[in-house]
């Protein structure tokens, strides 16, 4: 006699109506050359870097055999371009959801170069577990609420199927923090084009895996400074 499947018991199996969401951090969009860097406010307009395009293509191949039902992304360029690479392999259109956008960080020194700005934000997140110490930053409760709302809506729309969802490191971390009941909005550094897997059904959410990077193994890592 076979043992019962706990995912069935929790109504988190696909056959019981759960959706499996593959939540992807966008691929790399930081220029390799220091001369190409601009002030942080222009980052939203940056296309994927050459390395990022390779990561996005690898992510597309990661999903090639999964028969995705849909591909979603935030409206921000680096997320949209990552999603387009996944959608091309799956032969799907990309659906934009603004609630998948990155956390809105408060203003700081407007002369800080992009590389320095990103490194400083990473330091704050790892030190404090959040960005709430930066005045003007989007409140944690607001980020968590909008991310869970949009993930739940996507899951309800695609019950019993698999979906790719491309978002941003801060927003994904905040959502995972809420799902695992952590006070921290920053649990760990997510890799560009890394994949975290969720099962969602009827208000129940389960983290199946976090920050999968096996599909990126052949892409050289950016050198640390």
C-alpha atoms as a PDB file:
ATOM      1  CA  UNK A   1       0.000   0.000   0.000  1.00  0.00           C
ATOM      2  CA  UNK A   2       1.489   3.329  -1.030  1.00  0.00           C
ATOM      3  CA  UNK A   3       2.011   6.037   1.536  1.00  0.00           C
ATOM      4  CA  UNK A   4      -0.135   9.162   1.254  1.00  0.00           C
ATOM      5  CA  UNK A   5       1.484  12.137  -0.442  1.00  0.00           C
ATOM      6  CA  UNK A   6       1.715  14.979   2.124  1.00  0.00           C
ATOM      7  CA  UNK A   7       1.326  17.514  -0.694  1.00  0.00           C
ATOM      8  CA  UNK A   8      -1.999  15.874  -1.543  1.00  0.00           C
ATOM      9  CA  UNK A   9      -3.050  15.988   2.109  1.00  0.00           C
ATOM     10  CA  UNK A  10      -2.221  19.710   2.257  1.00  0.00           C
ATOM     11  CA  UNK A  11      -3.861  20.336  -1.154  1.00  0.00           C
ATOM     12  CA  UNK A  12      -0.501  21.537  -2.427  1.00  0.00           C
ATOM     13  CA  UNK A  13      -0.082  18.992  -5.215  1.00  0.00           C
ATOM     14  CA  UNK A  14      -0.766  20.063  -8.782  1.00  0.00           C
ATOM     15  CA  UNK A  15      -3.516  17.486  -9.102  1.00  0.00           C
ATOM     16  CA  UNK A  16      -5.273  19.022  -6.091  1.00  0.00           C
ATOM     17  CA  UNK A  17      -5.200  22.488  -7.662  1.00  0.00           C
ATOM     18  CA  UNK A  18      -1.976  24.019  -6.408  1.00  0.00           C
ATOM     19  CA  UNK A  19       0.187  26.082  -8.730  1.00  0.00           C
ATOM     20  CA  UNK A  20       3.959  25.664  -8.813  1.00  0.00           C
ATOM     21  CA  UNK A  21       5.633  29.050  -9.148  1.00  0.00           C
ATOM     22  CA  UNK A  22       9.251  29.269 -10.265  1.00  0.00           C
ATOM     23  CA  UNK A  23      10.262  32.654  -8.893  1.00  0.00           C
ATOM     24  CA  UNK A  24      13.329  33.921 -10.761  1.00  0.00           C
ATOM     25  CA  UNK A  25      15.565  36.816  -9.864  1.00  0.00           C
ATOM     26  CA  UNK A  26      16.311  38.832 -12.995  1.00  0.00           C
ATOM     27  CA  UNK A  27      19.628  38.204 -14.759  1.00  0.00           C
ATOM     28  CA  UNK A  28      22.649  40.488 -14.443  1.00  0.00           C
ATOM     29  CA  UNK A  29      22.231  44.057 -15.713  1.00  0.00           C
ATOM     30  CA  UNK A  30      25.386  45.670 -14.331  1.00  0.00           C
ATOM     31  CA  UNK A  31      27.930  46.738 -16.973  1.00  0.00           C
ATOM     32  CA  UNK A  32      31.319  45.044 -16.756  1.00  0.00           C
ATOM     33  CA  UNK A  33      33.219  48.267 -17.387  1.00  0.00           C
ATOM     34  CA  UNK A  34      33.480  50.909 -14.684  1.00  0.00           C
ATOM     35  CA  UNK A  35      33.405  53.495 -17.463  1.00  0.00           C
ATOM     36  CA  UNK A  36      29.895  52.319 -18.403  1.00  0.00           C
ATOM     37  CA  UNK A  37      28.490  52.888 -14.919  1.00  0.00           C
ATOM     38  CA  UNK A  38      26.007  55.680 -14.331  1.00  0.00           C
ATOM     39  CA  UNK A  39      24.270  57.084 -11.276  1.00  0.00           C
ATOM     40  CA  UNK A  40      21.940  54.573  -9.600  1.00  0.00           C
ATOM     41  CA  UNK A  41      18.743  56.313 -10.727  1.00  0.00           C
ATOM     42  CA  UNK A  42      19.460  55.132 -14.285  1.00  0.00           C
ATOM     43  CA  UNK A  43      19.695  51.468 -13.272  1.00  0.00           C
ATOM     44  CA  UNK A  44      16.018  50.840 -14.039  1.00  0.00           C
ATOM     45  CA  UNK A  45      16.720  51.546 -17.712  1.00  0.00           C
ATOM     46  CA  UNK A  46      19.747  49.236 -17.983  1.00  0.00           C
ATOM     47  CA  UNK A  47      19.425  46.284 -20.380  1.00  0.00           C
ATOM     48  CA  UNK A  48      20.864  42.924 -19.424  1.00  0.00           C
ATOM     49  CA  UNK A  49      24.634  42.735 -19.652  1.00  0.00           C
ATOM     50  CA  UNK A  50      26.308  40.164 -21.899  1.00  0.00           C
ATOM     51  CA  UNK A  51      26.633  37.941 -18.843  1.00  0.00           C
ATOM     52  CA  UNK A  52      23.003  38.584 -17.981  1.00  0.00           C
ATOM     53  CA  UNK A  53      21.847  37.550 -21.445  1.00  0.00           C
ATOM     54  CA  UNK A  54      23.731  34.258 -21.040  1.00  0.00           C
ATOM     55  CA  UNK A  55      22.080  33.756 -17.635  1.00  0.00           C
ATOM     56  CA  UNK A  56      18.632  34.495 -19.032  1.00  0.00           C
ATOM     57  CA  UNK A  57      19.147  32.017 -21.868  1.00  0.00           C
ATOM     58  CA  UNK A  58      20.277  29.394 -19.342  1.00  0.00           C
ATOM     59  CA  UNK A  59      17.147  30.066 -17.300  1.00  0.00           C
ATOM     60  CA  UNK A  60      15.058  29.544 -20.422  1.00  0.00           C
ATOM     61  CA  UNK A  61      16.696  26.171 -21.001  1.00  0.00           C
ATOM     62  CA  UNK A  62      16.117  25.324 -17.319  1.00  0.00           C
ATOM     63  CA  UNK A  63      12.370  25.449 -18.020  1.00  0.00           C
ATOM     64  CA  UNK A  64      12.417  23.892 -21.478  1.00  0.00           C
ATOM     65  CA  UNK A  65      10.964  20.558 -20.346  1.00  0.00           C
ATOM     66  CA  UNK A  66       8.483  21.871 -17.775  1.00  0.00           C
ATOM     67  CA  UNK A  67       5.599  22.907 -20.044  1.00  0.00           C
ATOM     68  CA  UNK A  68       5.117  26.268 -18.390  1.00  0.00           C
ATOM     69  CA  UNK A  69       1.579  27.635 -18.524  1.00  0.00           C
ATOM     70  CA  UNK A  70       2.618  31.297 -18.308  1.00  0.00           C
ATOM     71  CA  UNK A  71       5.514  33.696 -17.769  1.00  0.00           C
ATOM     72  CA  UNK A  72       5.196  36.827 -15.618  1.00  0.00           C
ATOM     73  CA  UNK A  73       7.587  39.693 -14.900  1.00  0.00           C
ATOM     74  CA  UNK A  74       7.785  43.102 -13.320  1.00  0.00           C
ATOM     75  CA  UNK A  75       7.694  46.024 -15.732  1.00  0.00           C
ATOM     76  CA  UNK A  76      11.347  46.881 -15.048  1.00  0.00           C
ATOM     77  CA  UNK A  77      13.595  46.283 -18.036  1.00  0.00           C
ATOM     78  CA  UNK A  78      16.042  43.769 -16.539  1.00  0.00           C
ATOM     79  CA  UNK A  79      13.159  41.581 -15.317  1.00  0.00           C
ATOM     80  CA  UNK A  80      11.232  41.896 -18.562  1.00  0.00           C
ATOM     81  CA  UNK A  81      14.262  40.912 -20.672  1.00  0.00           C
ATOM     82  CA  UNK A  82      14.930  37.896 -18.432  1.00  0.00           C
ATOM     83  CA  UNK A  83      11.303  36.827 -18.764  1.00  0.00           C
ATOM     84  CA  UNK A  84      11.413  37.253 -22.535  1.00  0.00           C
ATOM     85  CA  UNK A  85      14.291  34.760 -22.760  1.00  0.00           C
ATOM     86  CA  UNK A  86      12.273  32.235 -20.730  1.00  0.00           C
ATOM     87  CA  UNK A  87       9.098  32.902 -22.702  1.00  0.00           C
ATOM     88  CA  UNK A  88      10.895  32.455 -26.030  1.00  0.00           C
ATOM     89  CA  UNK A  89      11.832  28.879 -25.146  1.00  0.00           C
ATOM     90  CA  UNK A  90       8.349  28.163 -23.765  1.00  0.00           C
ATOM     91  CA  UNK A  91       6.685  29.865 -26.763  1.00  0.00           C
ATOM     92  CA  UNK A  92       4.630  32.098 -24.513  1.00  0.00           C
ATOM     93  CA  UNK A  93       3.964  35.794 -24.088  1.00  0.00           C
ATOM     94  CA  UNK A  94       5.237  37.744 -21.063  1.00  0.00           C
ATOM     95  CA  UNK A  95       2.582  39.147 -18.739  1.00  0.00           C
ATOM     96  CA  UNK A  96       3.637  42.215 -16.737  1.00  0.00           C
ATOM     97  CA  UNK A  97       2.666  42.663 -13.078  1.00  0.00           C
ATOM     98  CA  UNK A  98       3.768  45.928 -11.480  1.00  0.00           C
ATOM     99  CA  UNK A  99       3.502  44.438  -7.986  1.00  0.00           C
ATOM    100  CA  UNK A 100       6.532  42.256  -8.842  1.00  0.00           C
ATOM    101  CA  UNK A 101       8.726  45.385  -8.917  1.00  0.00           C
ATOM    102  CA  UNK A 102      11.748  45.857  -6.676  1.00  0.00           C
ATOM    103  CA  UNK A 103      11.532  47.441  -3.223  1.00  0.00           C
ATOM    104  CA  UNK A 104      11.460  51.226  -3.488  1.00  0.00           C
ATOM    105  CA  UNK A 105      14.566  52.419  -1.656  1.00  0.00           C
ATOM    106  CA  UNK A 106      14.747  55.909  -0.148  1.00  0.00           C
ATOM    107  CA  UNK A 107      17.046  58.529  -1.602  1.00  0.00           C
ATOM    108  CA  UNK A 108      20.699  58.711  -0.592  1.00  0.00           C
ATOM    109  CA  UNK A 109      23.731  60.565  -1.909  1.00  0.00           C
ATOM    110  CA  UNK A 110      22.868  61.318  -5.544  1.00  0.00           C
ATOM    111  CA  UNK A 111      26.516  61.291  -6.592  1.00  0.00           C
ATOM    112  CA  UNK A 112      27.112  57.640  -5.639  1.00  0.00           C
ATOM    113  CA  UNK A 113      28.120  55.543  -8.647  1.00  0.00           C
ATOM    114  CA  UNK A 114      26.138  52.430  -9.496  1.00  0.00           C
ATOM    115  CA  UNK A 115      28.724  49.865  -8.352  1.00  0.00           C
ATOM    116  CA  UNK A 116      29.166  51.655  -5.019  1.00  0.00           C
ATOM    117  CA  UNK A 117      25.407  52.077  -4.562  1.00  0.00           C
ATOM    118  CA  UNK A 118      24.657  48.394  -5.163  1.00  0.00           C
ATOM    119  CA  UNK A 119      27.482  47.276  -2.868  1.00  0.00           C
ATOM    120  CA  UNK A 120      26.265  49.613  -0.135  1.00  0.00           C
ATOM    121  CA  UNK A 121      22.668  48.365  -0.405  1.00  0.00           C
ATOM    122  CA  UNK A 122      23.869  44.752  -0.202  1.00  0.00           C
ATOM    123  CA  UNK A 123      25.892  45.587   2.911  1.00  0.00           C
ATOM    124  CA  UNK A 124      22.880  47.218   4.603  1.00  0.00           C
ATOM    125  CA  UNK A 125      20.647  44.264   3.751  1.00  0.00           C
ATOM    126  CA  UNK A 126      23.096  41.662   5.046  1.00  0.00           C
ATOM    127  CA  UNK A 127      23.864  43.676   8.182  1.00  0.00           C
ATOM    128  CA  UNK A 128      20.286  44.575   9.145  1.00  0.00           C
ATOM    129  CA  UNK A 129      18.175  41.951   7.377  1.00  0.00           C
ATOM    130  CA  UNK A 130      16.248  44.762   5.678  1.00  0.00           C
ATOM    131  CA  UNK A 131      16.505  48.231   4.159  1.00  0.00           C
ATOM    132  CA  UNK A 132      14.055  49.860   6.572  1.00  0.00           C
ATOM    133  CA  UNK A 133      16.834  51.931   8.157  1.00  0.00           C
ATOM    134  CA  UNK A 134      17.070  53.986   4.963  1.00  0.00           C
ATOM    135  CA  UNK A 135      14.574  56.878   5.265  1.00  0.00           C
ATOM    136  CA  UNK A 136      11.871  56.860   2.609  1.00  0.00           C
ATOM    137  CA  UNK A 137      12.141  53.134   1.892  1.00  0.00           C
ATOM    138  CA  UNK A 138       8.938  51.233   1.089  1.00  0.00           C
ATOM    139  CA  UNK A 139       7.679  49.703   4.365  1.00  0.00           C
ATOM    140  CA  UNK A 140       8.301  46.005   4.859  1.00  0.00           C
ATOM    141  CA  UNK A 141       4.615  45.252   5.454  1.00  0.00           C
ATOM    142  CA  UNK A 142       3.734  46.920   2.151  1.00  0.00           C
ATOM    143  CA  UNK A 143       6.329  44.958   0.164  1.00  0.00           C
ATOM    144  CA  UNK A 144       5.274  41.661   1.711  1.00  0.00           C
ATOM    145  CA  UNK A 145       1.588  42.362   1.148  1.00  0.00           C
ATOM    146  CA  UNK A 146       1.930  43.289  -2.519  1.00  0.00           C
ATOM    147  CA  UNK A 147       4.272  40.387  -3.285  1.00  0.00           C
ATOM    148  CA  UNK A 148       2.058  37.797  -1.580  1.00  0.00           C
ATOM    149  CA  UNK A 149      -1.003  39.317  -3.221  1.00  0.00           C
ATOM    150  CA  UNK A 150       0.413  39.048  -6.727  1.00  0.00           C
ATOM    151  CA  UNK A 151       1.868  35.563  -6.178  1.00  0.00           C
ATOM    152  CA  UNK A 152      -1.469  34.333  -4.812  1.00  0.00           C
ATOM    153  CA  UNK A 153      -3.317  35.884  -7.758  1.00  0.00           C
ATOM    154  CA  UNK A 154      -0.992  34.244 -10.279  1.00  0.00           C
ATOM    155  CA  UNK A 155      -1.381  30.897  -8.512  1.00  0.00           C
ATOM    156  CA  UNK A 156      -5.177  31.177  -8.523  1.00  0.00           C
ATOM    157  CA  UNK A 157      -5.120  32.087 -12.230  1.00  0.00           C
ATOM    158  CA  UNK A 158      -3.020  29.011 -13.079  1.00  0.00           C
ATOM    159  CA  UNK A 159      -4.241  26.307 -10.718  1.00  0.00           C
ATOM    160  CA  UNK A 160      -2.679  22.914 -11.353  1.00  0.00           C
ATOM    161  CA  UNK A 161       0.101  24.249 -13.591  1.00  0.00           C
ATOM    162  CA  UNK A 162       3.674  25.563 -13.513  1.00  0.00           C
ATOM    163  CA  UNK A 163       4.468  29.246 -13.993  1.00  0.00           C
ATOM    164  CA  UNK A 164       7.680  31.304 -14.197  1.00  0.00           C
ATOM    165  CA  UNK A 165       7.653  34.620 -12.318  1.00  0.00           C
ATOM    166  CA  UNK A 166      10.561  37.064 -12.747  1.00  0.00           C
ATOM    167  CA  UNK A 167      11.103  39.634 -10.014  1.00  0.00           C
ATOM    168  CA  UNK A 168      13.926  41.240  -8.012  1.00  0.00           C
ATOM    169  CA  UNK A 169      16.227  40.224  -5.163  1.00  0.00           C
ATOM    170  CA  UNK A 170      14.753  42.474  -2.494  1.00  0.00           C
ATOM    171  CA  UNK A 171      11.126  41.802  -3.371  1.00  0.00           C
ATOM    172  CA  UNK A 172      11.665  38.037  -3.613  1.00  0.00           C
ATOM    173  CA  UNK A 173      13.538  37.985  -0.300  1.00  0.00           C
ATOM    174  CA  UNK A 174      10.709  39.875   1.402  1.00  0.00           C
ATOM    175  CA  UNK A 175       8.156  37.398   0.032  1.00  0.00           C
ATOM    176  CA  UNK A 176      10.223  34.394   1.127  1.00  0.00           C
ATOM    177  CA  UNK A 177      10.664  35.981   4.558  1.00  0.00           C
ATOM    178  CA  UNK A 178       6.902  36.247   4.901  1.00  0.00           C
ATOM    179  CA  UNK A 179       6.340  32.675   3.719  1.00  0.00           C
ATOM    180  CA  UNK A 180       8.853  31.171   6.163  1.00  0.00           C
ATOM    181  CA  UNK A 181       7.665  33.478   8.972  1.00  0.00           C
ATOM    182  CA  UNK A 182      10.973  35.326   9.346  1.00  0.00           C
ATOM    183  CA  UNK A 183      11.205  38.895  10.616  1.00  0.00           C
ATOM    184  CA  UNK A 184      13.985  39.510   8.092  1.00  0.00           C
ATOM    185  CA  UNK A 185      13.252  40.855   4.635  1.00  0.00           C
ATOM    186  CA  UNK A 186      16.692  39.753   3.463  1.00  0.00           C
ATOM    187  CA  UNK A 187      17.392  36.069   4.080  1.00  0.00           C
ATOM    188  CA  UNK A 188      20.352  35.502   1.744  1.00  0.00           C
ATOM    189  CA  UNK A 189      21.932  36.922  -1.426  1.00  0.00           C
ATOM    190  CA  UNK A 190      19.935  35.618  -4.381  1.00  0.00           C
ATOM    191  CA  UNK A 191      21.920  34.815  -7.511  1.00  0.00           C
ATOM    192  CA  UNK A 192      21.075  36.571 -10.749  1.00  0.00           C
ATOM    193  CA  UNK A 193      18.736  34.180 -12.612  1.00  0.00           C
ATOM    194  CA  UNK A 194      18.534  32.002  -9.480  1.00  0.00           C
ATOM    195  CA  UNK A 195      15.240  30.115  -9.045  1.00  0.00           C
ATOM    196  CA  UNK A 196      13.108  29.602  -5.945  1.00  0.00           C
ATOM    197  CA  UNK A 197      10.128  27.235  -6.127  1.00  0.00           C
ATOM    198  CA  UNK A 198       6.798  27.790  -4.372  1.00  0.00           C
ATOM    199  CA  UNK A 199       3.586  25.791  -4.168  1.00  0.00           C
ATOM    200  CA  UNK A 200       0.508  27.944  -3.547  1.00  0.00           C
ATOM    201  CA  UNK A 201      -3.152  27.006  -3.196  1.00  0.00           C
ATOM    202  CA  UNK A 202      -6.101  28.595  -1.421  1.00  0.00           C
ATOM    203  CA  UNK A 203      -3.990  30.820   0.827  1.00  0.00           C
ATOM    204  CA  UNK A 204      -1.492  28.083   1.752  1.00  0.00           C
ATOM    205  CA  UNK A 205       2.098  28.660   0.632  1.00  0.00           C
ATOM    206  CA  UNK A 206       5.052  26.274   0.758  1.00  0.00           C
ATOM    207  CA  UNK A 207       8.693  26.989  -0.103  1.00  0.00           C
ATOM    208  CA  UNK A 208       9.928  23.941  -2.018  1.00  0.00           C
ATOM    209  CA  UNK A 209      13.457  25.168  -2.783  1.00  0.00           C
ATOM    210  CA  UNK A 210      15.417  28.413  -2.755  1.00  0.00           C
ATOM    211  CA  UNK A 211      18.028  30.000  -5.007  1.00  0.00           C
ATOM    212  CA  UNK A 212      18.610  27.063  -7.372  1.00  0.00           C
ATOM    213  CA  UNK A 213      21.633  27.847  -9.563  1.00  0.00           C
ATOM    214  CA  UNK A 214      22.582  24.539 -11.214  1.00  0.00           C
ATOM    215  CA  UNK A 215      21.489  25.817 -14.628  1.00  0.00           C
ATOM    216  CA  UNK A 216      24.103  28.603 -14.335  1.00  0.00           C
ATOM    217  CA  UNK A 217      27.069  26.294 -13.729  1.00  0.00           C
ATOM    218  CA  UNK A 218      28.749  26.968 -17.071  1.00  0.00           C
ATOM    219  CA  UNK A 219      28.568  30.768 -16.745  1.00  0.00           C
ATOM    220  CA  UNK A 220      31.671  32.235 -15.071  1.00  0.00           C
ATOM    221  CA  UNK A 221      31.043  34.119 -11.835  1.00  0.00           C
ATOM    222  CA  UNK A 222      31.719  37.825 -11.705  1.00  0.00           C
ATOM    223  CA  UNK A 223      35.028  38.401  -9.957  1.00  0.00           C
ATOM    224  CA  UNK A 224      34.749  39.760  -6.415  1.00  0.00           C
ATOM    225  CA  UNK A 225      36.511  42.996  -5.553  1.00  0.00           C
END
